[in-house]
N, C-alpha and C. Protein backbone atom coordinates (compact mmCIF):
# COMPACT_ATOMS: atom_id res chain seq x y z
N MET A 1 0.45 84.17 -3.96
CA MET A 1 -1.05 83.91 -4.20
C MET A 1 -2.09 84.47 -2.84
N SER A 2 -2.91 84.71 -3.18
CA SER A 2 -4.15 85.82 -2.64
C SER A 2 -4.70 84.72 -1.50
N GLU A 3 -4.98 85.61 -0.73
CA GLU A 3 -5.92 84.67 0.64
C GLU A 3 -7.14 84.25 -0.20
N LEU A 4 -7.50 84.96 -1.27
CA LEU A 4 -8.86 83.97 -1.74
C LEU A 4 -8.55 83.14 -2.58
N CYS A 5 -7.26 82.82 -3.25
CA CYS A 5 -6.77 81.85 -4.05
C CYS A 5 -6.87 80.55 -3.35
N LYS A 6 -5.51 80.87 -1.91
CA LYS A 6 -5.73 79.80 -1.08
C LYS A 6 -6.84 78.83 -0.58
N ARG A 7 -7.42 79.88 0.01
CA ARG A 7 -9.00 79.53 0.59
C ARG A 7 -9.35 78.66 -0.32
N LYS A 8 -10.16 79.20 -1.68
CA LYS A 8 -10.57 78.19 -2.77
C LYS A 8 -9.66 76.70 -3.18
N ILE A 9 -8.56 76.66 -3.21
CA ILE A 9 -7.70 75.38 -3.29
C ILE A 9 -7.90 74.67 -2.12
N PHE A 10 -8.11 75.24 -0.76
CA PHE A 10 -8.09 74.62 0.57
C PHE A 10 -9.93 74.02 0.64
N LEU A 11 -10.81 74.74 -0.08
CA LEU A 11 -12.05 74.00 -0.15
C LEU A 11 -11.85 73.09 -1.03
N THR A 12 -10.97 73.18 -2.32
CA THR A 12 -11.44 72.04 -3.42
C THR A 12 -10.91 70.76 -2.62
N TRP A 13 -9.97 70.99 -2.11
CA TRP A 13 -9.25 69.93 -1.61
C TRP A 13 -10.11 68.65 -0.38
N ARG A 14 -10.63 69.94 0.26
CA ARG A 14 -11.58 69.50 1.40
C ARG A 14 -12.58 68.55 0.95
N PHE A 15 -13.32 69.34 -0.21
CA PHE A 15 -14.23 68.92 -1.06
C PHE A 15 -14.14 67.57 -1.50
N LEU A 16 -13.00 67.31 -1.95
CA LEU A 16 -12.51 66.08 -2.80
C LEU A 16 -12.03 65.06 -1.96
N GLY A 17 -11.60 65.60 -0.64
CA GLY A 17 -11.25 64.51 0.19
C GLY A 17 -12.58 63.88 0.83
N PHE A 18 -13.96 64.75 1.30
CA PHE A 18 -15.03 64.44 1.42
C PHE A 18 -15.62 63.52 0.74
N VAL A 19 -15.49 63.58 -0.38
CA VAL A 19 -16.15 62.99 -1.68
C VAL A 19 -15.56 61.56 -1.82
N CYS A 20 -14.38 61.78 -1.71
CA CYS A 20 -13.40 60.26 -1.27
C CYS A 20 -13.80 59.43 -0.41
N LEU A 21 -13.90 60.11 0.67
CA LEU A 21 -14.37 59.46 2.15
C LEU A 21 -15.85 58.77 2.03
N CYS A 22 -16.83 59.46 1.47
CA CYS A 22 -18.29 59.16 1.05
C CYS A 22 -17.96 58.01 0.21
N MET A 23 -17.38 58.07 -0.89
CA MET A 23 -17.40 56.77 -1.94
C MET A 23 -16.94 55.69 -1.25
N ILE A 24 -15.79 56.09 -0.28
CA ILE A 24 -15.20 54.65 0.36
C ILE A 24 -16.11 54.07 1.55
N ILE A 25 -16.63 54.80 2.33
CA ILE A 25 -18.06 54.77 3.13
C ILE A 25 -18.92 53.76 2.16
N MET A 26 -19.40 54.18 1.23
CA MET A 26 -20.87 53.66 0.40
C MET A 26 -20.40 52.55 -0.08
N THR A 27 -18.79 52.44 -0.49
CA THR A 27 -18.34 50.98 -1.03
C THR A 27 -18.44 49.87 0.05
N ALA A 28 -17.83 50.28 1.28
CA ALA A 28 -17.79 49.55 2.17
C ALA A 28 -18.78 48.87 2.77
N ALA A 29 -19.70 50.47 2.90
CA ALA A 29 -21.15 49.72 3.79
C ALA A 29 -21.99 48.96 3.00
N GLY A 30 -21.99 49.27 1.54
CA GLY A 30 -22.74 48.98 0.28
C GLY A 30 -22.25 47.47 -0.46
N CYS A 31 -21.06 46.88 -0.18
CA CYS A 31 -20.75 46.00 -0.73
C CYS A 31 -21.50 44.60 0.03
N GLU A 32 -21.94 43.94 -0.19
CA GLU A 32 -22.41 42.73 0.27
C GLU A 32 -21.34 41.43 0.72
N PRO A 33 -21.14 41.52 -0.20
CA PRO A 33 -19.68 40.14 -0.20
C PRO A 33 -18.90 40.61 0.82
N LEU A 34 -18.44 41.79 1.09
CA LEU A 34 -17.62 42.33 1.98
C LEU A 34 -18.17 42.02 3.56
N ARG A 35 -19.94 42.51 3.28
CA ARG A 35 -20.33 42.17 4.61
C ARG A 35 -20.69 40.98 5.12
N LYS A 36 -20.64 40.37 4.11
CA LYS A 36 -20.60 38.74 4.27
C LYS A 36 -19.45 38.00 5.31
N LYS A 37 -18.31 38.49 4.64
CA LYS A 37 -16.98 38.34 5.02
C LYS A 37 -17.20 38.42 6.37
N PHE A 38 -17.63 39.56 6.91
CA PHE A 38 -16.91 39.93 8.17
C PHE A 38 -17.81 39.72 9.55
N THR A 39 -19.39 39.15 9.03
CA THR A 39 -20.40 39.00 9.68
C THR A 39 -20.20 37.21 10.18
N ARG A 40 -20.16 37.27 11.55
CA ARG A 40 -20.36 36.06 11.94
C ARG A 40 -21.82 34.99 11.73
N LYS A 41 -21.69 33.75 11.21
CA LYS A 41 -22.98 33.18 10.85
C LYS A 41 -22.93 31.93 12.48
N LYS A 42 -23.79 31.92 13.13
CA LYS A 42 -24.02 30.74 13.54
C LYS A 42 -24.14 29.53 13.23
N LYS A 43 -23.74 28.48 13.81
CA LYS A 43 -23.39 27.19 12.96
C LYS A 43 -24.96 26.56 12.89
N GLU A 44 -25.14 25.84 11.79
CA GLU A 44 -26.41 25.06 11.83
C GLU A 44 -26.08 23.79 12.25
N GLN A 45 -27.32 22.91 13.09
CA GLN A 45 -26.64 21.58 13.68
C GLN A 45 -27.01 20.91 12.58
N LYS A 46 -26.34 19.88 12.12
CA LYS A 46 -27.03 18.97 11.20
C LYS A 46 -27.33 17.56 11.95
N GLN A 47 -28.96 17.22 11.23
CA GLN A 47 -29.51 16.48 11.59
C GLN A 47 -28.86 15.18 10.64
N GLU A 48 -28.74 14.07 11.96
CA GLU A 48 -27.99 12.85 11.20
C GLU A 48 -29.29 11.88 11.10
N ASP A 49 -29.07 11.37 9.71
CA ASP A 49 -30.13 10.59 9.37
C ASP A 49 -29.82 8.77 9.34
N ILE A 50 -28.50 8.69 9.97
CA ILE A 50 -27.89 7.65 10.04
C ILE A 50 -28.41 6.70 11.34
N ILE A 51 -28.86 5.67 11.12
CA ILE A 51 -29.86 4.39 11.55
C ILE A 51 -28.33 3.76 12.15
N PRO A 52 -28.17 3.43 13.52
CA PRO A 52 -27.11 2.66 14.00
C PRO A 52 -27.99 1.14 13.94
N LEU A 53 -26.70 0.78 13.77
CA LEU A 53 -26.94 -0.84 13.68
C LEU A 53 -26.75 -1.73 14.54
N LEU A 54 -27.70 -2.18 15.24
CA LEU A 54 -27.81 -2.98 16.42
C LEU A 54 -27.37 -4.29 16.13
N GLU A 55 -27.60 -5.05 15.13
CA GLU A 55 -27.02 -6.07 14.97
C GLU A 55 -25.71 -6.23 13.93
N PRO A 56 -25.07 -7.00 13.88
CA PRO A 56 -23.71 -6.97 13.30
C PRO A 56 -24.03 -8.09 11.95
N LEU A 57 -23.86 -7.54 10.67
CA LEU A 57 -24.13 -8.59 9.10
C LEU A 57 -22.88 -9.55 9.37
N ASP A 58 -23.35 -10.42 9.16
CA ASP A 58 -21.91 -11.59 9.30
C ASP A 58 -21.91 -11.89 7.35
N TYR A 59 -20.78 -11.22 6.99
CA TYR A 59 -20.60 -11.60 5.55
C TYR A 59 -20.25 -12.84 5.31
N PRO A 60 -20.39 -13.60 4.32
CA PRO A 60 -19.94 -14.83 3.87
C PRO A 60 -18.74 -14.65 3.31
N SER A 61 -17.66 -16.07 3.73
CA SER A 61 -16.51 -15.74 3.21
C SER A 61 -16.01 -16.17 1.90
N LYS A 62 -15.45 -16.09 1.20
CA LYS A 62 -14.99 -15.99 0.04
C LYS A 62 -14.75 -17.54 0.03
N ALA A 63 -15.22 -17.97 -0.60
CA ALA A 63 -15.13 -19.32 -1.03
C ALA A 63 -14.52 -20.15 -2.36
N LEU A 64 -13.17 -20.17 -1.82
CA LEU A 64 -12.30 -20.29 -3.06
C LEU A 64 -12.11 -21.96 -3.19
N SER A 65 -12.51 -22.57 -4.31
CA SER A 65 -12.22 -23.97 -4.25
C SER A 65 -10.68 -24.27 -3.99
N VAL A 66 -10.16 -25.83 -3.84
CA VAL A 66 -8.99 -26.54 -3.02
C VAL A 66 -8.29 -25.89 -4.16
N PHE A 67 -8.15 -26.14 -5.63
CA PHE A 67 -7.34 -25.83 -6.68
C PHE A 67 -7.14 -24.12 -6.52
N GLU A 68 -8.00 -23.37 -6.52
CA GLU A 68 -7.66 -22.11 -6.72
C GLU A 68 -7.00 -21.77 -5.52
N GLN A 69 -6.85 -22.11 -4.55
CA GLN A 69 -6.12 -21.93 -3.18
C GLN A 69 -4.57 -22.40 -3.70
N TYR A 70 -4.73 -23.65 -4.29
CA TYR A 70 -3.09 -24.20 -4.62
C TYR A 70 -2.75 -23.16 -5.44
N ARG A 71 -3.57 -22.90 -6.63
CA ARG A 71 -2.59 -21.66 -7.20
C ARG A 71 -2.46 -20.35 -6.57
N HIS A 72 -2.96 -20.24 -5.78
CA HIS A 72 -2.64 -18.68 -5.07
C HIS A 72 -1.73 -18.82 -4.21
N HIS A 73 -1.42 -20.25 -3.52
CA HIS A 73 -0.09 -20.55 -2.85
C HIS A 73 0.98 -20.81 -3.78
N TYR A 74 0.80 -21.44 -4.96
CA TYR A 74 1.62 -21.36 -5.92
C TYR A 74 2.49 -20.63 -6.56
N SER A 75 1.55 -19.44 -6.80
CA SER A 75 1.91 -18.35 -7.26
C SER A 75 2.49 -17.29 -6.48
N LEU A 76 2.30 -17.63 -5.33
CA LEU A 76 2.94 -16.56 -3.85
C LEU A 76 4.76 -17.23 -3.78
N TRP A 77 4.88 -18.49 -4.09
CA TRP A 77 5.50 -19.03 -3.95
C TRP A 77 6.98 -18.61 -5.17
N GLN A 78 6.03 -18.37 -6.40
CA GLN A 78 6.84 -17.70 -7.29
C GLN A 78 7.55 -16.40 -7.35
N VAL A 79 6.72 -15.93 -6.80
CA VAL A 79 7.13 -14.13 -6.25
C VAL A 79 8.06 -14.19 -4.89
N TRP A 80 8.03 -14.97 -4.35
CA TRP A 80 8.92 -14.95 -3.00
C TRP A 80 10.59 -15.56 -3.73
N HIS A 81 10.10 -16.46 -4.43
CA HIS A 81 11.41 -17.35 -4.79
C HIS A 81 12.05 -16.54 -6.06
N LYS A 82 11.17 -15.42 -6.93
CA LYS A 82 12.27 -14.51 -7.73
C LYS A 82 12.36 -13.37 -6.73
N ASP A 83 11.80 -12.83 -5.91
CA ASP A 83 12.56 -11.86 -4.96
C ASP A 83 13.63 -12.31 -4.10
N LEU A 84 13.80 -13.85 -3.39
CA LEU A 84 14.83 -14.26 -3.43
C LEU A 84 16.28 -13.95 -3.93
N MET A 85 15.80 -14.52 -5.31
CA MET A 85 17.14 -14.79 -6.23
C MET A 85 17.67 -13.40 -6.88
N THR A 86 16.79 -12.32 -6.65
CA THR A 86 17.08 -11.10 -6.73
C THR A 86 17.94 -10.56 -5.66
N ALA A 87 17.45 -10.84 -4.78
CA ALA A 87 18.20 -10.63 -3.16
C ALA A 87 19.47 -11.42 -3.18
N ILE A 88 20.05 -12.15 -3.65
CA ILE A 88 21.39 -12.73 -3.72
C ILE A 88 21.94 -12.67 -4.39
N LYS A 89 21.46 -12.23 -5.94
CA LYS A 89 22.20 -11.45 -6.76
C LYS A 89 22.63 -10.26 -6.54
N TYR A 90 21.91 -9.24 -5.54
CA TYR A 90 22.66 -8.32 -5.58
C TYR A 90 22.78 -8.17 -3.91
N ASN A 91 23.33 -8.90 -3.44
CA ASN A 91 24.15 -9.17 -2.14
C ASN A 91 22.94 -8.56 -0.87
N GLU A 92 21.82 -8.52 -0.83
CA GLU A 92 21.14 -7.84 0.46
C GLU A 92 21.41 -8.62 1.64
N SER A 93 20.76 -8.12 2.55
CA SER A 93 21.20 -8.49 4.22
C SER A 93 20.92 -9.76 4.08
N ASP A 94 21.51 -10.65 5.00
CA ASP A 94 21.30 -11.76 5.36
C ASP A 94 20.02 -12.19 5.71
N LYS A 95 19.43 -11.03 6.86
CA LYS A 95 18.12 -10.75 7.42
C LYS A 95 16.64 -10.67 6.63
N SER A 96 16.72 -10.04 5.39
CA SER A 96 16.27 -10.09 4.11
C SER A 96 15.77 -11.29 3.55
N ILE A 97 17.12 -12.20 3.25
CA ILE A 97 17.16 -13.31 2.94
C ILE A 97 16.71 -14.36 3.67
N ASN A 98 16.88 -14.52 4.78
CA ASN A 98 16.07 -15.25 5.63
C ASN A 98 14.56 -15.35 5.78
N TYR A 99 14.24 -13.86 5.90
CA TYR A 99 12.89 -13.83 5.44
C TYR A 99 12.21 -14.35 4.16
N MET A 100 12.67 -14.31 3.14
CA MET A 100 12.39 -14.80 1.89
C MET A 100 12.29 -16.29 2.07
N LEU A 101 13.40 -17.01 2.79
CA LEU A 101 13.14 -18.38 2.75
C LEU A 101 12.42 -18.91 3.41
N GLY A 102 12.03 -18.15 4.91
CA GLY A 102 11.04 -18.22 5.53
C GLY A 102 9.64 -18.24 5.00
N GLN A 103 9.64 -17.48 4.23
CA GLN A 103 8.18 -17.21 2.95
C GLN A 103 7.87 -18.63 2.68
N LEU A 104 9.30 -18.82 1.52
CA LEU A 104 9.06 -20.16 0.77
C LEU A 104 8.56 -21.14 1.24
N ILE A 105 9.14 -21.34 2.99
CA ILE A 105 8.88 -22.64 3.91
C ILE A 105 7.24 -22.40 4.27
N VAL A 106 6.91 -21.43 4.43
CA VAL A 106 5.78 -21.28 4.51
C VAL A 106 4.55 -21.73 3.23
N GLN A 107 4.86 -21.12 2.51
CA GLN A 107 4.32 -21.46 0.90
C GLN A 107 3.75 -23.10 0.76
N ILE A 108 5.38 -23.28 0.85
CA ILE A 108 5.28 -25.28 0.68
C ILE A 108 4.41 -25.29 1.73
N GLU A 109 4.41 -25.01 3.42
CA GLU A 109 3.48 -25.92 4.03
C GLU A 109 2.19 -25.68 3.44
N GLU A 110 1.66 -24.35 3.22
CA GLU A 110 0.11 -23.98 2.76
C GLU A 110 0.10 -25.18 1.56
N LEU A 111 1.03 -25.48 0.62
CA LEU A 111 0.70 -26.31 -0.21
C LEU A 111 0.23 -27.53 0.16
N GLN A 112 1.03 -28.02 1.51
CA GLN A 112 1.11 -29.56 1.74
C GLN A 112 -0.38 -29.74 2.56
N LYS A 113 -0.83 -28.44 3.02
CA LYS A 113 -1.86 -28.38 3.75
C LYS A 113 -3.20 -28.90 2.43
N ILE A 114 -3.03 -28.11 1.60
CA ILE A 114 -4.11 -28.42 0.61
C ILE A 114 -3.76 -29.10 -0.21
N SER A 115 -3.06 -29.67 -0.73
CA SER A 115 -2.70 -30.82 -1.18
C SER A 115 -3.01 -32.40 -0.89
N GLY A 116 -3.31 -33.29 -1.67
CA GLY A 116 -3.48 -34.90 -1.06
C GLY A 116 -2.46 -35.17 -0.59
N ALA A 117 -2.41 -36.51 -0.47
CA ALA A 117 -1.24 -37.13 0.00
C ALA A 117 -0.37 -37.69 -0.83
N SER A 118 -0.55 -37.38 -1.90
CA SER A 118 0.39 -37.84 -3.04
C SER A 118 1.28 -36.91 -3.07
N LEU A 119 0.83 -35.70 -3.28
CA LEU A 119 1.77 -34.62 -3.29
C LEU A 119 2.46 -33.95 -1.98
N GLU A 120 2.41 -34.77 -0.78
CA GLU A 120 2.73 -34.17 0.09
C GLU A 120 4.22 -34.56 0.34
N GLU A 121 4.33 -35.70 0.03
CA GLU A 121 5.67 -36.42 0.32
C GLU A 121 6.53 -35.63 -0.48
N GLY A 122 6.18 -35.24 -1.92
CA GLY A 122 7.27 -34.54 -2.69
C GLY A 122 7.71 -33.00 -2.14
N LEU A 123 6.42 -32.37 -1.89
CA LEU A 123 6.60 -31.00 -1.17
C LEU A 123 7.60 -31.11 0.13
N GLY A 124 7.30 -32.27 1.05
CA GLY A 124 8.24 -32.32 2.12
C GLY A 124 9.91 -32.16 1.49
N ASP A 125 9.94 -32.93 0.45
CA ASP A 125 11.50 -32.96 -0.40
C ASP A 125 11.67 -31.73 -0.15
N ILE A 126 11.37 -31.00 -1.10
CA ILE A 126 11.71 -29.77 -1.39
C ILE A 126 11.49 -28.62 0.05
N LYS A 127 11.18 -28.92 1.24
CA LYS A 127 11.01 -27.92 2.02
C LYS A 127 12.35 -28.61 3.01
N ASN A 128 12.64 -29.86 2.41
CA ASN A 128 13.80 -30.23 3.49
C ASN A 128 15.36 -29.52 2.84
N GLU A 129 14.73 -29.36 1.16
CA GLU A 129 15.93 -28.78 0.68
C GLU A 129 16.26 -27.09 1.22
N LEU A 130 14.99 -26.59 1.30
CA LEU A 130 14.79 -25.46 1.77
C LEU A 130 15.66 -25.13 3.07
N ASN A 131 15.24 -25.97 4.00
CA ASN A 131 15.87 -26.19 5.42
C ASN A 131 17.08 -26.02 5.15
N ASN A 132 17.81 -27.06 4.11
CA ASN A 132 19.15 -27.08 4.02
C ASN A 132 19.98 -25.49 3.88
N VAL A 133 18.87 -24.97 3.19
CA VAL A 133 19.47 -23.73 2.39
C VAL A 133 19.49 -23.13 3.61
N VAL A 134 18.81 -22.52 4.31
CA VAL A 134 18.69 -21.84 5.53
C VAL A 134 19.71 -22.45 6.52
N LYS A 135 20.24 -23.38 6.61
CA LYS A 135 21.18 -23.86 7.26
C LYS A 135 22.57 -23.26 7.07
N GLU A 136 22.33 -23.01 5.93
CA GLU A 136 23.46 -22.74 4.93
C GLU A 136 23.53 -21.26 5.34
N PHE A 137 22.79 -20.65 5.15
CA PHE A 137 22.81 -19.16 5.51
C PHE A 137 23.25 -19.04 7.14
N ALA A 138 22.67 -19.87 7.74
CA ALA A 138 23.31 -20.02 9.03
C ALA A 138 24.41 -19.20 8.97
N LYS A 139 25.35 -20.25 8.53
CA LYS A 139 26.75 -20.21 8.40
C LYS A 139 27.33 -18.30 8.21
N PRO A 140 28.47 -18.16 8.60
CA PRO A 140 29.47 -17.00 8.68
C PRO A 140 29.27 -16.50 6.72
N ALA A 141 29.22 -15.45 6.48
CA ALA A 141 29.10 -14.59 4.71
C ALA A 141 30.35 -15.33 4.44
N GLY A 142 31.50 -15.27 5.50
CA GLY A 142 32.77 -15.88 4.38
C GLY A 142 32.74 -17.46 4.04
N LEU A 143 32.32 -18.18 5.30
CA LEU A 143 32.27 -19.68 4.72
C LEU A 143 30.95 -20.09 3.81
N ARG A 144 30.25 -19.03 3.68
CA ARG A 144 29.15 -19.92 2.58
C ARG A 144 29.59 -19.63 1.09
N ASN A 145 29.38 -20.64 0.12
CA ASN A 145 29.13 -20.17 -1.11
C ASN A 145 28.35 -19.80 -2.04
N ARG A 146 27.75 -18.47 -2.23
CA ARG A 146 26.76 -17.96 -2.81
C ARG A 146 26.34 -18.48 -3.85
N THR A 147 27.33 -18.67 -5.01
CA THR A 147 27.14 -19.52 -6.25
C THR A 147 26.51 -20.65 -6.10
N LEU A 148 26.94 -21.65 -5.02
CA LEU A 148 26.30 -23.03 -4.96
C LEU A 148 25.07 -22.67 -4.44
N ILE A 149 24.60 -21.77 -3.50
CA ILE A 149 23.13 -21.61 -2.86
C ILE A 149 22.34 -21.41 -4.10
N GLU A 150 22.69 -20.43 -4.92
CA GLU A 150 21.98 -19.85 -6.15
C GLU A 150 21.81 -21.04 -6.99
N ASN A 151 22.74 -21.93 -7.21
CA ASN A 151 22.36 -22.65 -8.26
C ASN A 151 21.62 -23.84 -7.84
N ARG A 152 21.70 -24.23 -6.24
CA ARG A 152 20.84 -25.15 -5.61
C ARG A 152 19.07 -24.38 -5.57
N LEU A 153 19.04 -23.51 -5.54
CA LEU A 153 17.43 -22.55 -5.75
C LEU A 153 17.12 -22.76 -7.00
N ILE A 154 17.68 -22.30 -8.07
CA ILE A 154 17.31 -22.13 -9.39
C ILE A 154 16.91 -24.01 -9.66
N ARG A 155 18.01 -24.52 -9.47
CA ARG A 155 17.70 -26.22 -9.66
C ARG A 155 16.28 -26.52 -9.15
N LEU A 156 16.24 -26.18 -7.56
CA LEU A 156 14.72 -26.61 -6.87
C LEU A 156 13.59 -25.83 -7.28
N ASP A 157 13.69 -24.57 -8.11
CA ASP A 157 12.72 -23.71 -8.89
C ASP A 157 12.28 -25.01 -10.15
N ARG A 158 13.22 -25.08 -10.46
CA ARG A 158 12.96 -26.12 -11.83
C ARG A 158 12.35 -27.20 -11.22
N LYS A 159 12.48 -27.65 -10.27
CA LYS A 159 11.97 -29.08 -9.93
C LYS A 159 10.61 -28.72 -9.34
N PHE A 160 10.51 -27.81 -8.53
CA PHE A 160 8.91 -27.31 -8.19
C PHE A 160 8.01 -26.96 -9.34
N ARG A 161 8.83 -26.27 -10.45
CA ARG A 161 7.90 -25.65 -11.44
C ARG A 161 7.16 -26.78 -12.50
N LYS A 162 8.48 -27.85 -12.56
CA LYS A 162 7.84 -28.90 -13.37
C LYS A 162 7.01 -29.75 -13.16
N ASN A 163 7.37 -29.96 -11.46
CA ASN A 163 6.53 -31.32 -10.93
C ASN A 163 4.99 -31.08 -10.40
N TYR A 164 4.92 -29.21 -9.86
CA TYR A 164 4.10 -28.92 -9.12
C TYR A 164 3.17 -27.77 -9.62
N SER A 165 3.63 -27.85 -11.11
CA SER A 165 2.79 -26.40 -11.61
C SER A 165 1.04 -26.65 -11.34
N PRO A 166 0.52 -25.70 -11.26
CA PRO A 166 -0.98 -26.14 -11.38
C PRO A 166 -1.74 -26.57 -12.30
N ARG A 167 -0.84 -26.64 -13.87
CA ARG A 167 -1.57 -27.33 -14.92
C ARG A 167 -1.23 -28.78 -14.90
N ILE A 168 -0.06 -29.01 -14.07
CA ILE A 168 0.28 -30.40 -14.09
C ILE A 168 -0.72 -30.74 -12.87
N ILE A 169 -0.77 -30.40 -12.01
CA ILE A 169 -1.63 -30.89 -10.63
C ILE A 169 -2.94 -30.92 -10.81
N LYS A 170 -3.99 -30.07 -11.75
CA LYS A 170 -4.65 -29.92 -12.10
C LYS A 170 -5.96 -31.42 -11.63
N ASP A 171 -5.37 -32.79 -12.27
CA ASP A 171 -6.26 -33.34 -12.36
C ASP A 171 -6.46 -34.10 -10.59
N ASN A 172 -5.40 -33.79 -9.94
CA ASN A 172 -5.14 -34.35 -8.31
C ASN A 172 -6.36 -33.54 -7.59
N PHE A 173 -6.60 -32.59 -7.82
CA PHE A 173 -8.07 -31.62 -7.54
C PHE A 173 -9.51 -32.41 -7.77
N LYS A 174 -9.75 -33.08 -8.93
CA LYS A 174 -10.62 -33.38 -8.88
C LYS A 174 -11.54 -34.24 -8.72
């Protein structure tokens, strides 16, 4: 190749390089989103329109009738009893079973507080039977009869549902 041809190719490549460089500079400098992306903006201070509350508001407590409270604790007793029976059936730990028995006793005590003197004695009997079951669970695992305990709890549940259901007791709260 001649010297003239080499020079022409060199100038052509030089010109193309210059054009490409100009296009890149124009694209980068002229691209507004790219410029916005790389420029740091000062943070705007937010004005708070929140007025501080100087005096706290007292919200009235939810007023439940005695019958609604009784029904609530009765349903909690049913749930704890169902959980207890499931735990006994699947041989869960004694700690969880004792906790559930304790919750059953707590619900019976709440029912005793709510109900009148006529129901308090019968609920006391159920509480005593539950305490006897707790004493059974205090024995070592090899000495207790789980089937006997399970049958006692089923019998206790039937007695409780038969005699202390909110549908039956409704008349005592009027």
